[in-house]
Amino acid sequence: MPLNGLEGVSYAYGLNHYEVDRPLRDVMAVYTKLRNDLSPLGKYVGAEVYEVAYRVDAESLPRLVNWGVNGERADYVWLDPHERQVVRAVQGGGLGHS
């Protein structure tokens, strides 16, 4: 779902957000035992997640659904399908390859 011209919207688009965030790397080194390289996640966030977030902010904010089609309480949050894909990829460690 590439958006042409997104580079002109933000200087952060296309950057590896893990590699450019020195304070995050420093805090993780001090407070966690995590020694994995999170560069793939930073790259994913800097491009694909950025595009999804831009789309969701502009066109498709989450919506609270109180009632189902049968008139019964549903109480769930509707997410844009692209947003659900990002959530699943990050939770499952797929980094956008799902």
C-alpha atoms as a PDB file:
ATOM      1  CA  MET A   1       0.000   0.000   0.000  1.00  0.00           C
ATOM      2  CA  PRO A   2       2.720   2.540  -0.818  1.00  0.00           C
ATOM      3  CA  LEU A   3       1.593   6.130  -0.721  1.00  0.00           C
ATOM      4  CA  ASN A   4       3.405   8.248  -3.274  1.00  0.00           C
ATOM      5  CA  GLY A   5       4.668  11.497  -1.840  1.00  0.00           C
ATOM      6  CA  LEU A   6       4.663  10.452   1.819  1.00  0.00           C
ATOM      7  CA  GLU A   7       8.317  11.451   1.950  1.00  0.00           C
ATOM      8  CA  GLY A   8       7.113  15.053   1.640  1.00  0.00           C
ATOM      9  CA  VAL A   9       4.818  14.694   4.640  1.00  0.00           C
ATOM     10  CA  SER A  10       7.424  13.660   7.204  1.00  0.00           C
ATOM     11  CA  TYR A  11      11.182  13.550   7.549  1.00  0.00           C
ATOM     12  CA  ALA A  12      10.761  10.392   9.665  1.00  0.00           C
ATOM     13  CA  TYR A  13       9.215   8.347   6.860  1.00  0.00           C
ATOM     14  CA  GLY A  14      11.528   5.683   5.479  1.00  0.00           C
ATOM     15  CA  LEU A  15      13.979   5.841   8.365  1.00  0.00           C
ATOM     16  CA  ASN A  16      14.825   2.880  10.541  1.00  0.00           C
ATOM     17  CA  HIS A  17      13.209   4.126  13.747  1.00  0.00           C
ATOM     18  CA  TYR A  18      15.249   1.813  15.956  1.00  0.00           C
ATOM     19  CA  GLU A  19      18.597   2.860  14.526  1.00  0.00           C
ATOM     20  CA  VAL A  20      17.869   6.592  14.761  1.00  0.00           C
ATOM     21  CA  ASP A  21      16.508   6.415  18.333  1.00  0.00           C
ATOM     22  CA  ARG A  22      19.670   6.430  20.424  1.00  0.00           C
ATOM     23  CA  PRO A  23      17.863   7.105  23.745  1.00  0.00           C
ATOM     24  CA  LEU A  24      15.658   4.030  23.178  1.00  0.00           C
ATOM     25  CA  ARG A  25      18.691   1.855  22.504  1.00  0.00           C
ATOM     26  CA  ASP A  26      20.453   3.239  25.598  1.00  0.00           C
ATOM     27  CA  VAL A  27      17.444   2.647  27.869  1.00  0.00           C
ATOM     28  CA  MET A  28      17.007  -0.873  26.544  1.00  0.00           C
ATOM     29  CA  ALA A  29      20.674  -1.618  27.197  1.00  0.00           C
ATOM     30  CA  VAL A  30      20.411  -0.431  30.807  1.00  0.00           C
ATOM     31  CA  TYR A  31      17.003  -1.756  31.842  1.00  0.00           C
ATOM     32  CA  THR A  32      16.565  -4.950  29.842  1.00  0.00           C
ATOM     33  CA  LYS A  33      18.566  -8.013  29.113  1.00  0.00           C
ATOM     34  CA  LEU A  34      17.367  -7.864  25.520  1.00  0.00           C
ATOM     35  CA  ARG A  35      20.332  -8.035  23.208  1.00  0.00           C
ATOM     36  CA  ASN A  36      18.446  -8.667  19.982  1.00  0.00           C
ATOM     37  CA  ASP A  37      18.876  -6.318  17.089  1.00  0.00           C
ATOM     38  CA  LEU A  38      15.526  -4.602  16.583  1.00  0.00           C
ATOM     39  CA  SER A  39      16.571  -3.062  13.265  1.00  0.00           C
ATOM     40  CA  PRO A  40      14.034  -5.119  11.265  1.00  0.00           C
ATOM     41  CA  LEU A  41      11.257  -3.799  13.517  1.00  0.00           C
ATOM     42  CA  GLY A  42      12.602  -0.243  13.182  1.00  0.00           C
ATOM     43  CA  LYS A  43      12.637  -0.540   9.402  1.00  0.00           C
ATOM     44  CA  TYR A  44       9.083  -1.934   9.374  1.00  0.00           C
ATOM     45  CA  VAL A  45       7.845   0.891  11.600  1.00  0.00           C
ATOM     46  CA  GLY A  46       9.582   3.525   9.469  1.00  0.00           C
ATOM     47  CA  ALA A  47       7.818   2.496   6.279  1.00  0.00           C
ATOM     48  CA  GLU A  48       4.847   0.115   6.418  1.00  0.00           C
ATOM     49  CA  VAL A  49       3.545   1.094   9.861  1.00  0.00           C
ATOM     50  CA  TYR A  50       4.038   4.758   9.020  1.00  0.00           C
ATOM     51  CA  GLU A  51       1.921   4.370   5.872  1.00  0.00           C
ATOM     52  CA  VAL A  52      -0.832   2.532   7.754  1.00  0.00           C
ATOM     53  CA  ALA A  53      -0.851   5.112  10.551  1.00  0.00           C
ATOM     54  CA  TYR A  54      -1.056   7.938   8.031  1.00  0.00           C
ATOM     55  CA  ARG A  55      -4.018   6.282   6.298  1.00  0.00           C
ATOM     56  CA  VAL A  56      -5.822   5.465   9.543  1.00  0.00           C
ATOM     57  CA  ASP A  57      -5.354   9.003  10.897  1.00  0.00           C
ATOM     58  CA  ALA A  58      -6.668  10.538   7.695  1.00  0.00           C
ATOM     59  CA  GLU A  59      -9.486   8.201   6.731  1.00  0.00           C
ATOM     60  CA  SER A  60     -10.215   5.363   9.062  1.00  0.00           C
ATOM     61  CA  LEU A  61     -10.076   6.040  12.791  1.00  0.00           C
ATOM     62  CA  PRO A  62     -11.012   3.172  15.119  1.00  0.00           C
ATOM     63  CA  ARG A  63     -14.712   3.098  16.031  1.00  0.00           C
ATOM     64  CA  LEU A  64     -16.446   1.848  19.136  1.00  0.00           C
ATOM     65  CA  VAL A  65     -19.264  -0.519  18.163  1.00  0.00           C
ATOM     66  CA  ASN A  66     -21.812  -0.817  20.969  1.00  0.00           C
ATOM     67  CA  TRP A  67     -24.573  -2.801  19.303  1.00  0.00           C
ATOM     68  CA  GLY A  68     -24.550  -5.787  16.956  1.00  0.00           C
ATOM     69  CA  VAL A  69     -26.903  -6.451  14.049  1.00  0.00           C
ATOM     70  CA  ASN A  70     -29.347  -8.309  16.328  1.00  0.00           C
ATOM     71  CA  GLY A  71     -29.659  -5.381  18.728  1.00  0.00           C
ATOM     72  CA  GLU A  72     -27.503  -7.088  21.353  1.00  0.00           C
ATOM     73  CA  ARG A  73     -24.540  -5.448  23.058  1.00  0.00           C
ATOM     74  CA  ALA A  74     -21.368  -5.999  21.044  1.00  0.00           C
ATOM     75  CA  ASP A  75     -18.872  -3.621  22.700  1.00  0.00           C
ATOM     76  CA  TYR A  76     -15.815  -3.931  20.524  1.00  0.00           C
ATOM     77  CA  VAL A  77     -13.492  -1.588  18.680  1.00  0.00           C
ATOM     78  CA  TRP A  78     -13.539  -1.751  14.892  1.00  0.00           C
ATOM     79  CA  LEU A  79     -10.065  -1.357  13.389  1.00  0.00           C
ATOM     80  CA  ASP A  80      -9.126  -0.726   9.802  1.00  0.00           C
ATOM     81  CA  PRO A  81      -8.004  -4.026   8.198  1.00  0.00           C
ATOM     82  CA  HIS A  82      -4.514  -2.629   7.577  1.00  0.00           C
ATOM     83  CA  GLU A  83      -4.248  -1.637  11.234  1.00  0.00           C
ATOM     84  CA  ARG A  84      -5.255  -5.160  12.306  1.00  0.00           C
ATOM     85  CA  GLN A  85      -2.577  -6.571  10.005  1.00  0.00           C
ATOM     86  CA  VAL A  86       0.096  -4.399  11.647  1.00  0.00           C
ATOM     87  CA  VAL A  87      -1.035  -5.370  15.150  1.00  0.00           C
ATOM     88  CA  ARG A  88      -0.935  -9.078  14.268  1.00  0.00           C
ATOM     89  CA  ALA A  89       2.469  -8.788  12.609  1.00  0.00           C
ATOM     90  CA  VAL A  90       4.044  -6.999  15.570  1.00  0.00           C
ATOM     91  CA  GLN A  91       2.441  -9.284  18.161  1.00  0.00           C
ATOM     92  CA  GLY A  92       3.438 -12.399  16.257  1.00  0.00           C
ATOM     93  CA  GLY A  93       6.914 -11.219  15.386  1.00  0.00           C
ATOM     94  CA  GLY A  94       6.097 -11.372  11.684  1.00  0.00           C
ATOM     95  CA  LEU A  95       7.227  -7.805  11.032  1.00  0.00           C
ATOM     96  CA  GLY A  96       4.843  -7.293   8.142  1.00  0.00           C
ATOM     97  CA  HIS A  97       5.453 -10.588   6.432  1.00  0.00           C
ATOM     98  CA  SER A  98       2.041 -12.033   7.340  1.00  0.00           C
END
